[in-house]
Amino acid sequence: MTHDVLVLGGGITGCAVAREAALRGLQVVLAEAEDLASGTSSASTKLLHGGLRYLEYGWFSMVRESLREREITARLAPHLARPLPLVVPAWTGRRPGRLTLRAGVLLYDLLAGPHPLGRGRLLSPSGVRALLPELATDGLRGGVAFSDRRTDDARLTVEIARAAAALGADVRVGARAVALLRRGGRIGGATLADAQTGEQTDVVARFVVNATGPWADRVRALGGLEGALLAPSRGTHLVLDRPMSDPGVMLLGERRGRRIFVLPWRGRTLVGTTDLPDPSSPETVAPTGEEVHSLLGEVAAHFPQWKTGPDAVLAAFAGLRPLLRSAAQATLDAPRDHVAVEEQGLWTLVGGKLTTWRAMAADLLDRMAGPASPATARASRTRPVAEGPPPGLPPHLADRYGARARSVLARAAADPSAAALLDGQGPEMTAEVDVAVEEEFARRLQDVVLRRLPFAHDPRRCRTLAPVVAARMRARLGWSTRRESEEIAALEARLRRDEAWRE
């Protein structure tokens, strides 16, 4: 059988391409080697944003597109695009200054169009202190306030994959491309190997999309394509073991374009990010001690009352941005526009941002298979990815599942074992493990603990819950005792990789 589109890569880009292609009535196979969002798509700053800092570079069209797509995502998956107020303090002797920042947020509002997410406003020093009472005051000249949106990047990716599957896409998790097939001298498919059995299957398609992010050059090499398209950039984040409430903060770094976000995240404080060239294998990317201490130094300078030693770090994580290689250009200054490159039938989609997932996919399909019909283009912007929650649902479930929270509660009501709490530290139920396995493509312990449930940045709870979740998955998936132990060991290895900076 010849499919229309084979998409390699189950990050947010690949899932978006699968959804867009399925919306256009195409037969789609989506193949992901590990798990949905297991790479860059679960290692972001958890923001849907236009990119205020990009205005410094004159990237106005990219900011306008990002702001438009931010609001489209809010319509498509409202519970995964909540408003987030932000403050940018201005400091004596540091650029941009207070009035320049004010001009920036005015332009930001203008580029957002007729329905911006709140209006930016100028803040006096006392206005900043009122919002951020623990912020350092030496040299504080005021600041600006504006809004973007927060998201759960991994859950957004999973919901887009579910939307693609609901439209008929064949989503295969744990299917690694081990060869690219040629038909008439052009790439027209791939050999996929099952992660568990090793069984190989040839998938033939009219169009093959390489949406593997930092693995893109490795996939290109499977087809004999030479040279490197990418200059990956490592972004590291910290989760501090301290509570933080709105607003979030964007700190101005000493270097032009450098920005550090300090944001509320799952009851704790998220700090990031770095932007450093990293040619290493994506499988081994991890935070470095130098990056962690650099971020802690920024926090200590701006929030002197906070504990900022290594013990204050609950978790650290890193991912690689698949930036397009550009001669003699630092990764911090590299454009975040997406680029689609066609080579001998293989379409490689790199660059871009989490926020512009839908626009990237629509642009690729327009170029690859022809412009969408008006109805399809409208559906791309309006057909829900996930329904927002109705009133009355438990907030922790509503924020995670939207309207699907009702089915989680129905499972719990029908099965006492599903209603049991996973532990005594939070409201998460065993039913959520069942949902992850049966409705959200999870096949490994890591998939559930790190990406389906909200434990990724709390290693202590990950370790506590590992045997509980593994036992439930064993019952649902028919694992052997040996497989259960291997899954727990693999999760522990992953956690240790992200903790190696402490050594």
Protein backbone atom coordinates (compact mmCIF):
# COMPACT_ATOMS: atom_id res chain seq x y z
CA MET A 1 0.00 0.00 0.00
CA THR A 2 1.23 3.50 -0.81
CA HIS A 3 0.37 6.16 1.73
CA ASP A 4 0.20 9.84 0.94
CA VAL A 5 2.48 11.10 3.73
CA LEU A 6 4.98 9.42 6.04
CA VAL A 7 6.03 11.70 8.89
CA LEU A 8 9.18 10.77 10.81
CA GLY A 9 9.29 12.32 14.27
CA GLY A 10 6.65 12.63 16.99
CA GLY A 11 7.62 15.96 18.48
CA ILE A 12 5.22 18.85 18.18
CA THR A 13 6.35 19.56 14.60
CA GLY A 14 5.79 16.02 13.34
CA CYS A 15 2.44 15.72 15.12
CA ALA A 16 1.37 19.06 13.65
CA VAL A 17 2.29 17.90 10.14
CA ALA A 18 0.32 14.69 10.65
CA ARG A 19 -2.73 16.64 11.82
CA GLU A 20 -2.52 19.11 8.95
CA ALA A 21 -2.11 16.36 6.35
CA ALA A 22 -5.02 14.38 7.80
CA LEU A 23 -7.20 17.51 7.77
CA ARG A 24 -6.51 17.70 4.03
CA GLY A 25 -7.81 14.17 3.55
CA LEU A 26 -4.41 12.56 3.06
CA GLN A 27 -3.49 9.08 4.28
CA VAL A 28 -0.86 9.62 6.95
CA VAL A 29 1.56 7.49 8.95
CA LEU A 30 3.37 9.16 11.85
CA ALA A 31 6.40 7.22 13.12
CA GLU A 32 8.14 8.16 16.37
CA ALA A 33 11.24 6.27 17.49
CA GLU A 34 10.88 6.83 21.24
CA ASP A 35 7.83 8.69 22.56
CA LEU A 36 5.75 11.69 21.66
CA ALA A 37 7.56 14.87 22.80
CA SER A 38 10.45 12.84 24.20
CA GLY A 39 13.05 15.24 22.76
CA THR A 40 13.02 19.01 22.35
CA SER A 41 9.23 19.26 22.59
CA SER A 42 9.23 18.51 26.33
CA ALA A 43 12.29 20.68 27.11
CA SER A 44 10.94 24.17 26.38
CA THR A 45 10.32 27.21 28.59
CA LYS A 46 6.61 26.24 28.62
CA LEU A 47 5.57 29.45 26.87
CA LEU A 48 3.43 30.30 23.87
CA HIS A 49 4.79 33.70 22.99
CA GLY A 50 5.52 36.14 20.22
CA GLY A 51 9.09 36.68 21.33
CA LEU A 52 9.43 40.18 22.74
CA ARG A 53 13.22 40.01 22.46
CA TYR A 54 13.02 39.30 18.73
CA LEU A 55 11.88 42.88 18.16
CA GLU A 56 15.48 43.95 18.85
CA TYR A 57 16.52 42.09 15.70
CA GLY A 58 13.75 43.53 13.55
CA TRP A 59 12.07 40.14 13.11
CA PHE A 60 8.63 41.74 13.00
CA SER A 61 6.94 39.28 10.65
CA MET A 62 8.01 36.34 12.82
CA VAL A 63 6.72 38.05 15.96
CA ARG A 64 3.41 38.86 14.23
CA GLU A 65 3.01 35.24 13.09
CA SER A 66 3.90 33.92 16.55
CA LEU A 67 1.37 36.19 18.26
CA ARG A 68 -1.31 35.12 15.81
CA GLU A 69 -0.50 31.45 16.38
CA ARG A 70 -0.43 31.93 20.14
CA GLU A 71 -4.08 32.95 20.00
CA ILE A 72 -5.01 30.21 17.53
CA THR A 73 -3.59 27.63 19.96
CA ALA A 74 -5.64 29.23 22.73
CA ARG A 75 -8.76 28.54 20.66
CA LEU A 76 -7.72 25.02 19.65
CA ALA A 77 -6.67 23.86 23.14
CA PRO A 78 -7.77 26.48 25.69
CA HIS A 79 -6.69 24.62 28.82
CA LEU A 80 -3.15 24.35 27.41
CA ALA A 81 -2.78 28.06 26.64
CA ARG A 82 -3.56 29.91 29.85
CA PRO A 83 -2.73 33.63 30.15
CA LEU A 84 0.51 34.47 31.96
CA PRO A 85 1.25 38.04 33.10
CA LEU A 86 4.93 38.97 32.82
CA VAL A 87 7.08 41.79 34.15
CA VAL A 88 10.33 43.04 32.60
CA PRO A 89 12.31 45.16 35.08
CA ALA A 90 14.54 47.94 33.72
CA TRP A 91 17.90 48.74 35.31
CA THR A 92 20.26 51.69 35.36
CA GLY A 93 23.07 51.22 32.86
CA ARG A 94 21.48 48.22 31.15
CA ARG A 95 19.83 48.23 27.76
CA PRO A 96 17.11 48.31 26.67
CA GLY A 97 15.95 51.06 28.99
CA ARG A 98 12.52 51.64 30.45
CA LEU A 99 11.16 53.76 27.61
CA THR A 100 12.58 51.44 24.97
CA LEU A 101 10.86 48.54 26.70
CA ARG A 102 7.62 50.53 26.74
CA ALA A 103 7.93 51.13 23.01
CA GLY A 104 8.61 47.41 22.58
CA VAL A 105 5.45 46.28 24.35
CA LEU A 106 3.39 48.85 22.45
CA LEU A 107 4.72 47.38 19.21
CA TYR A 108 4.09 43.89 20.59
CA ASP A 109 0.44 44.82 21.18
CA LEU A 110 0.19 46.34 17.71
CA LEU A 111 1.60 43.20 16.07
CA ALA A 112 -0.84 41.07 18.04
CA GLY A 113 -3.69 42.61 16.06
CA PRO A 114 -7.15 43.67 17.20
CA HIS A 115 -7.38 41.16 20.05
CA PRO A 116 -4.12 41.29 21.99
CA LEU A 117 -3.81 39.35 25.23
CA GLY A 118 -3.99 42.35 27.55
CA ARG A 119 -2.24 45.65 27.00
CA GLY A 120 1.35 46.29 27.95
CA ARG A 121 1.92 49.09 30.41
CA LEU A 122 4.76 51.10 31.86
CA LEU A 123 5.65 50.49 35.53
CA SER A 124 7.33 52.80 38.00
CA PRO A 125 9.92 51.34 40.41
CA SER A 126 7.23 51.15 43.09
CA GLY A 127 4.89 49.45 40.61
CA VAL A 128 7.50 46.77 39.92
CA ARG A 129 8.16 46.28 43.63
CA ALA A 130 4.44 45.89 44.30
CA LEU A 131 4.31 43.00 41.83
CA LEU A 132 7.73 41.55 42.70
CA PRO A 133 8.45 42.37 46.35
CA GLU A 134 11.51 40.09 46.50
CA LEU A 135 13.21 41.64 43.46
CA ALA A 136 16.48 43.51 44.03
CA THR A 137 15.99 47.28 44.12
CA ASP A 138 19.50 48.65 43.51
CA GLY A 139 19.43 50.38 40.12
CA LEU A 140 15.79 49.51 39.50
CA ARG A 141 14.26 52.13 37.20
CA GLY A 142 10.85 50.61 36.72
CA GLY A 143 9.80 48.26 33.97
CA VAL A 144 6.93 47.08 31.83
CA ALA A 145 4.14 44.56 32.21
CA PHE A 146 2.62 42.51 29.40
CA SER A 147 1.12 39.05 28.87
CA ASP A 148 1.81 35.87 26.95
CA ARG A 149 0.53 32.34 27.51
CA ARG A 150 1.86 29.33 29.38
CA THR A 151 1.54 25.76 28.16
CA ASP A 152 2.42 22.18 29.00
CA ASP A 153 4.54 21.39 25.95
CA ALA A 154 4.43 17.59 26.27
CA ARG A 155 0.68 17.45 26.78
CA LEU A 156 0.06 19.84 23.89
CA THR A 157 2.09 17.51 21.65
CA VAL A 158 0.13 14.47 22.81
CA GLU A 159 -3.19 16.22 22.16
CA ILE A 160 -2.11 17.19 18.64
CA ALA A 161 -1.16 13.55 17.99
CA ARG A 162 -4.56 12.44 19.29
CA ALA A 163 -6.24 14.96 17.00
CA ALA A 164 -4.28 13.59 14.05
CA ALA A 165 -5.28 10.04 14.94
CA ALA A 166 -8.94 11.07 15.24
CA LEU A 167 -8.69 12.34 11.67
CA GLY A 168 -7.37 8.98 10.48
CA ALA A 169 -3.61 9.27 10.90
CA ASP A 170 -1.82 6.04 11.82
CA VAL A 171 0.30 7.03 14.85
CA ARG A 172 3.09 4.57 15.58
CA VAL A 173 5.11 5.15 18.75
CA GLY A 174 8.28 3.12 19.16
CA ALA A 175 8.82 2.85 15.39
CA ARG A 176 12.33 3.90 14.38
CA ALA A 177 13.35 4.63 10.79
CA VAL A 178 16.37 2.45 10.05
CA ALA A 179 16.49 3.06 6.28
CA LEU A 180 14.95 5.34 3.69
CA LEU A 181 13.44 3.69 0.64
CA ARG A 182 14.00 4.89 -2.90
CA ARG A 183 11.54 4.69 -5.76
CA GLY A 184 12.68 5.80 -9.15
CA GLY A 185 15.77 7.41 -7.66
CA ARG A 186 13.81 9.46 -5.13
CA ILE A 187 13.08 8.87 -1.45
CA GLY A 188 9.60 7.39 -1.20
CA GLY A 189 9.30 5.68 2.16
CA ALA A 190 11.16 4.19 5.08
CA THR A 191 11.86 0.93 6.82
CA LEU A 192 10.54 1.12 10.38
CA ALA A 193 11.81 -1.10 13.19
CA ASP A 194 9.64 -1.85 16.22
CA ALA A 195 11.41 -0.76 19.41
CA GLN A 196 10.35 -3.85 21.36
CA THR A 197 10.36 -6.71 18.87
CA GLY A 198 12.83 -5.42 16.28
CA GLU A 199 10.36 -6.40 13.55
CA GLN A 200 10.83 -4.29 10.44
CA THR A 201 8.13 -2.92 8.17
CA ASP A 202 8.45 -0.96 4.93
CA VAL A 203 6.15 2.05 4.64
CA VAL A 204 5.86 3.50 1.14
CA ALA A 205 4.59 7.05 0.71
CA ARG A 206 4.30 9.75 -1.92
CA PHE A 207 5.80 12.28 0.49
CA VAL A 208 8.28 11.66 3.30
CA VAL A 209 8.68 14.32 5.97
CA ASN A 210 11.72 14.47 8.23
CA ALA A 211 10.42 16.23 11.36
CA THR A 212 12.90 14.71 13.79
CA GLY A 213 14.29 17.99 15.13
CA PRO A 214 17.90 17.59 16.30
CA TRP A 215 17.98 14.11 14.73
CA ALA A 216 17.21 15.55 11.26
CA ASP A 217 20.74 15.22 9.88
CA ARG A 218 20.92 11.62 11.09
CA VAL A 219 17.72 10.79 9.18
CA ARG A 220 19.02 12.58 6.10
CA ALA A 221 22.13 10.39 6.24
CA LEU A 222 19.92 7.28 6.04
CA GLY A 223 19.05 8.44 2.54
CA GLY A 224 22.66 9.11 1.58
CA LEU A 225 22.23 12.89 1.85
CA GLU A 226 25.49 14.59 2.77
CA GLY A 227 26.33 17.75 4.67
CA ALA A 228 24.72 19.21 7.78
CA LEU A 229 21.62 21.38 7.82
CA LEU A 230 21.64 21.98 11.56
CA ALA A 231 23.62 23.96 14.09
CA PRO A 232 21.87 22.73 17.28
CA SER A 233 21.64 24.97 20.31
CA ARG A 234 21.31 23.62 23.84
CA GLY A 235 18.77 25.20 26.14
CA THR A 236 18.98 24.36 29.84
CA HIS A 237 16.33 25.10 32.47
CA LEU A 238 16.17 24.77 36.23
CA VAL A 239 13.25 24.03 38.50
CA LEU A 240 13.81 25.63 41.91
CA ASP A 241 12.22 23.98 44.91
CA ARG A 242 10.34 27.09 45.96
CA PRO A 243 6.82 28.32 45.27
CA MET A 244 6.16 31.16 42.85
CA SER A 245 2.94 32.84 41.83
CA ASP A 246 2.11 35.19 38.96
CA PRO A 247 3.53 37.28 37.45
CA GLY A 248 6.47 35.69 35.75
CA VAL A 249 9.62 37.71 35.13
CA MET A 250 11.79 38.26 32.09
CA LEU A 251 15.26 39.39 33.18
CA LEU A 252 17.49 41.37 30.84
CA GLY A 253 20.92 39.80 30.46
CA GLU A 254 24.14 41.71 30.01
CA ARG A 255 24.52 40.42 26.46
CA ARG A 256 22.27 41.75 23.68
CA GLY A 257 19.35 39.43 23.17
CA ARG A 258 20.01 37.37 26.32
CA ARG A 259 16.89 36.90 28.38
CA ILE A 260 16.26 34.77 31.44
CA PHE A 261 12.70 33.81 32.35
CA VAL A 262 11.70 33.16 35.96
CA LEU A 263 8.23 31.64 35.85
CA PRO A 264 5.67 29.92 38.04
CA TRP A 265 5.46 26.25 37.04
CA ARG A 266 3.44 23.55 38.81
CA GLY A 267 3.73 25.32 42.13
CA ARG A 268 7.47 25.82 41.81
CA THR A 269 9.84 28.18 39.97
CA LEU A 270 11.12 27.55 36.43
CA VAL A 271 14.29 29.35 35.33
CA GLY A 272 15.71 29.40 31.82
CA THR A 273 17.14 29.32 29.37
CA THR A 274 20.66 29.05 28.03
CA ASP A 275 21.51 29.16 24.32
CA LEU A 276 24.80 27.42 23.55
CA PRO A 277 26.07 25.55 20.48
CA ASP A 278 25.96 21.81 21.07
CA PRO A 279 27.00 19.33 18.36
CA SER A 280 26.62 16.30 20.64
CA SER A 281 24.18 13.45 20.17
CA PRO A 282 20.61 14.39 21.11
CA GLU A 283 20.36 11.22 23.21
CA THR A 284 23.07 12.48 25.55
CA VAL A 285 22.13 16.15 25.91
CA ALA A 286 22.00 17.17 29.55
CA PRO A 287 22.47 20.26 31.71
CA THR A 288 26.04 21.19 32.52
CA GLY A 289 27.31 22.46 35.85
CA GLU A 290 28.47 25.67 34.20
CA GLU A 291 24.98 26.39 32.85
CA VAL A 292 23.27 25.59 36.13
CA HIS A 293 25.55 27.88 38.10
CA SER A 294 25.20 30.63 35.47
CA LEU A 295 21.41 30.53 35.79
CA LEU A 296 21.62 30.43 39.57
CA GLY A 297 23.89 33.46 39.46
CA GLU A 298 21.31 35.41 37.46
CA VAL A 299 18.61 34.49 39.97
CA ALA A 300 20.82 35.38 42.95
CA ALA A 301 21.64 38.80 41.48
CA HIS A 302 17.98 39.65 40.96
CA PHE A 303 16.37 37.85 43.91
CA PRO A 304 18.92 38.12 46.72
CA GLN A 305 16.52 36.74 49.35
CA TRP A 306 16.11 33.44 47.55
CA LYS A 307 18.18 30.35 48.22
CA THR A 308 20.25 29.86 45.08
CA GLY A 309 22.76 27.17 45.93
CA PRO A 310 22.75 23.82 44.12
CA ASP A 311 20.54 22.37 46.85
CA ALA A 312 17.81 24.82 45.83
CA VAL A 313 17.57 23.09 42.42
CA LEU A 314 14.89 20.43 42.42
CA ALA A 315 15.61 19.47 38.82
CA ALA A 316 17.42 20.59 35.68
CA PHE A 317 16.67 19.64 32.10
CA ALA A 318 18.04 20.43 28.66
CA GLY A 319 17.02 20.11 25.04
CA LEU A 320 18.45 20.91 21.62
CA ARG A 321 16.92 23.53 19.35
CA PRO A 322 17.13 22.34 15.72
CA LEU A 323 18.38 25.65 14.33
CA LEU A 324 19.36 25.95 10.69
CA ARG A 325 23.10 26.22 10.16
CA SER A 326 24.12 29.80 9.35
CA ALA A 327 27.64 30.89 8.59
CA ALA A 328 29.47 32.78 11.36
CA GLN A 329 26.35 33.38 13.43
CA ALA A 330 25.97 32.73 17.15
CA THR A 331 23.03 30.52 18.06
CA LEU A 332 21.56 33.29 20.22
CA ASP A 333 21.31 35.52 17.16
CA ALA A 334 20.15 32.79 14.76
CA PRO A 335 16.65 33.35 13.35
CA ARG A 336 13.88 31.13 14.76
CA ASP A 337 12.04 30.95 11.44
CA HIS A 338 11.21 27.47 10.21
CA VAL A 339 12.74 26.19 6.98
CA ALA A 340 11.53 23.33 4.76
CA VAL A 341 14.21 21.76 2.58
CA GLU A 342 13.42 19.24 -0.16
CA GLU A 343 16.21 16.82 -1.15
CA GLN A 344 15.58 13.93 -3.54
CA GLY A 345 12.00 13.56 -2.31
CA LEU A 346 12.73 13.98 1.41
CA TRP A 347 11.22 17.07 3.03
CA THR A 348 13.11 18.19 6.14
CA LEU A 349 11.41 20.72 8.40
CA VAL A 350 13.72 22.44 10.90
CA GLY A 351 13.85 25.61 12.98
CA GLY A 352 10.68 27.28 14.13
CA LYS A 353 9.18 27.57 17.60
CA LEU A 354 6.80 25.64 19.78
CA THR A 355 4.31 28.50 19.38
CA THR A 356 4.17 28.26 15.58
CA TRP A 357 3.55 24.52 15.36
CA ARG A 358 0.39 24.87 13.26
CA ALA A 359 1.75 27.48 10.85
CA MET A 360 4.87 25.41 10.24
CA ALA A 361 2.79 22.39 9.30
CA ALA A 362 0.42 24.36 7.06
CA ASP A 363 3.31 26.01 5.25
CA LEU A 364 5.01 22.67 4.62
CA LEU A 365 1.84 21.04 3.28
CA ASP A 366 1.21 24.03 1.01
CA ARG A 367 4.68 23.67 -0.47
CA MET A 368 4.71 19.91 -0.59
CA ALA A 369 1.22 18.92 -1.68
CA GLY A 370 -0.34 22.17 -2.88
CA PRO A 371 -2.33 24.94 -1.17
CA ALA A 372 -5.16 23.92 1.12
CA SER A 373 -8.74 24.51 0.13
CA PRO A 374 -10.49 27.39 1.95
CA ALA A 375 -12.42 24.88 4.05
CA THR A 376 -9.30 22.97 5.05
CA ALA A 377 -7.40 26.17 5.82
CA ARG A 378 -10.26 27.27 8.05
CA ALA A 379 -10.40 23.86 9.77
CA SER A 380 -6.67 24.06 10.48
CA ARG A 381 -7.28 27.26 12.46
CA THR A 382 -10.59 26.38 14.07
CA ARG A 383 -11.01 22.61 14.52
CA PRO A 384 -10.26 21.90 18.19
CA VAL A 385 -7.18 19.93 19.13
CA ALA A 386 -8.63 19.41 22.60
CA GLU A 387 -11.90 20.66 24.05
CA GLY A 388 -11.64 23.02 26.98
CA PRO A 389 -13.04 21.85 30.30
CA PRO A 390 -16.59 22.63 31.38
CA PRO A 391 -17.09 24.21 34.83
CA GLY A 392 -17.03 22.05 37.93
CA LEU A 393 -14.20 19.65 37.14
CA PRO A 394 -11.29 19.22 39.57
CA PRO A 395 -8.73 21.87 38.55
CA HIS A 396 -5.77 19.50 38.37
CA LEU A 397 -7.65 17.28 35.91
CA ALA A 398 -9.18 20.16 33.96
CA ASP A 399 -5.79 21.77 33.43
CA ARG A 400 -4.28 18.52 32.21
CA TYR A 401 -7.08 16.95 30.17
CA GLY A 402 -9.60 19.65 29.37
CA ALA A 403 -13.00 18.13 28.67
CA ARG A 404 -11.44 14.65 28.72
CA ALA A 405 -11.23 14.98 32.50
CA ARG A 406 -14.79 13.66 32.54
CA SER A 407 -13.65 10.34 31.08
CA VAL A 408 -10.89 10.09 33.67
CA LEU A 409 -13.47 10.55 36.41
CA ALA A 410 -15.76 8.02 34.72
CA ARG A 411 -12.97 5.43 34.78
CA ALA A 412 -12.43 6.09 38.47
CA ALA A 413 -16.14 5.77 39.20
CA ALA A 414 -16.38 2.45 37.36
CA ASP A 415 -13.27 0.81 38.83
CA PRO A 416 -12.21 1.23 42.48
CA SER A 417 -8.60 0.34 41.61
CA ALA A 418 -8.55 3.17 39.07
CA ALA A 419 -9.87 5.61 41.67
CA ALA A 420 -6.95 4.92 44.01
CA LEU A 421 -4.44 7.74 44.42
CA LEU A 422 -0.97 6.99 43.11
CA ASP A 423 0.56 8.20 46.36
CA GLY A 424 -0.33 10.37 49.30
CA GLN A 425 1.47 13.44 47.98
CA GLY A 426 -0.92 14.58 45.26
CA PRO A 427 -4.33 14.08 43.65
CA GLU A 428 -3.17 11.95 40.69
CA MET A 429 -5.20 8.76 40.28
CA THR A 430 -4.36 5.35 38.91
CA ALA A 431 -6.97 6.00 36.20
CA GLU A 432 -4.56 8.49 34.67
CA VAL A 433 -2.05 5.71 34.04
CA ASP A 434 -4.76 3.77 32.23
CA VAL A 435 -5.62 6.83 30.14
CA ALA A 436 -1.97 7.33 29.21
CA VAL A 437 -1.66 3.72 28.01
CA GLU A 438 -5.03 3.31 26.34
CA GLU A 439 -5.68 6.80 24.92
CA GLU A 440 -2.33 8.62 24.73
CA PHE A 441 0.11 6.20 23.05
CA ALA A 442 2.28 5.63 26.16
CA ARG A 443 4.26 2.37 26.04
CA ARG A 444 7.10 2.85 28.51
CA LEU A 445 7.30 3.86 32.14
CA GLN A 446 9.18 7.04 31.16
CA ASP A 447 6.36 8.02 28.82
CA VAL A 448 3.86 8.09 31.67
CA VAL A 449 5.97 9.42 34.53
CA LEU A 450 7.87 12.08 32.59
CA ARG A 451 5.38 13.24 29.95
CA ARG A 452 1.77 12.16 30.61
CA LEU A 453 1.72 12.92 34.33
CA PRO A 454 3.10 16.08 35.99
CA PHE A 455 6.18 14.57 37.61
CA ALA A 456 8.93 15.28 35.06
CA HIS A 457 10.65 17.98 37.11
CA ASP A 458 10.34 16.32 40.51
CA PRO A 459 12.85 13.45 40.58
CA ARG A 460 11.90 12.50 44.13
CA ARG A 461 8.30 11.78 43.17
CA CYS A 462 9.39 10.09 39.95
CA ARG A 463 11.39 7.61 41.99
CA THR A 464 8.64 7.11 44.56
CA LEU A 465 5.98 6.54 41.92
CA ALA A 466 8.04 4.42 39.53
CA PRO A 467 7.14 1.01 41.03
CA VAL A 468 3.47 2.01 41.49
CA VAL A 469 3.05 3.16 37.90
CA ALA A 470 5.13 0.26 36.54
CA ALA A 471 2.92 -2.26 38.32
CA ARG A 472 -0.20 -0.74 36.79
CA MET A 473 1.38 -0.67 33.33
CA ARG A 474 2.45 -4.29 33.73
CA ALA A 475 -1.16 -5.26 34.39
CA ARG A 476 -2.43 -3.25 31.42
CA LEU A 477 0.28 -4.16 28.90
CA GLY A 478 1.11 -7.69 29.96
CA TRP A 479 4.71 -7.00 30.89
CA SER A 480 6.89 -9.68 32.39
CA THR A 481 8.51 -9.13 35.79
CA ARG A 482 11.80 -8.65 33.96
CA ARG A 483 10.31 -5.99 31.67
CA GLU A 484 8.88 -4.17 34.68
CA SER A 485 12.32 -4.07 36.33
CA GLU A 486 13.95 -2.92 33.09
CA GLU A 487 11.49 -0.06 32.79
CA ILE A 488 12.23 1.14 36.33
CA ALA A 489 15.97 0.91 35.64
CA ALA A 490 15.62 2.87 32.39
CA LEU A 491 13.72 5.66 34.16
CA GLU A 492 16.40 5.82 36.84
CA ALA A 493 19.12 6.09 34.17
CA ARG A 494 17.29 8.99 32.57
CA LEU A 495 16.92 10.79 35.89
CA ARG A 496 20.63 10.31 36.66
CA ARG A 497 21.60 11.77 33.28
CA ASP A 498 19.85 15.02 34.12
CA GLU A 499 21.45 15.02 37.59
CA ALA A 500 25.03 14.46 36.42
CA TRP A 501 25.78 18.19 36.73
CA ARG A 502 25.76 17.76 40.52
CA GLU A 503 28.80 15.49 40.44
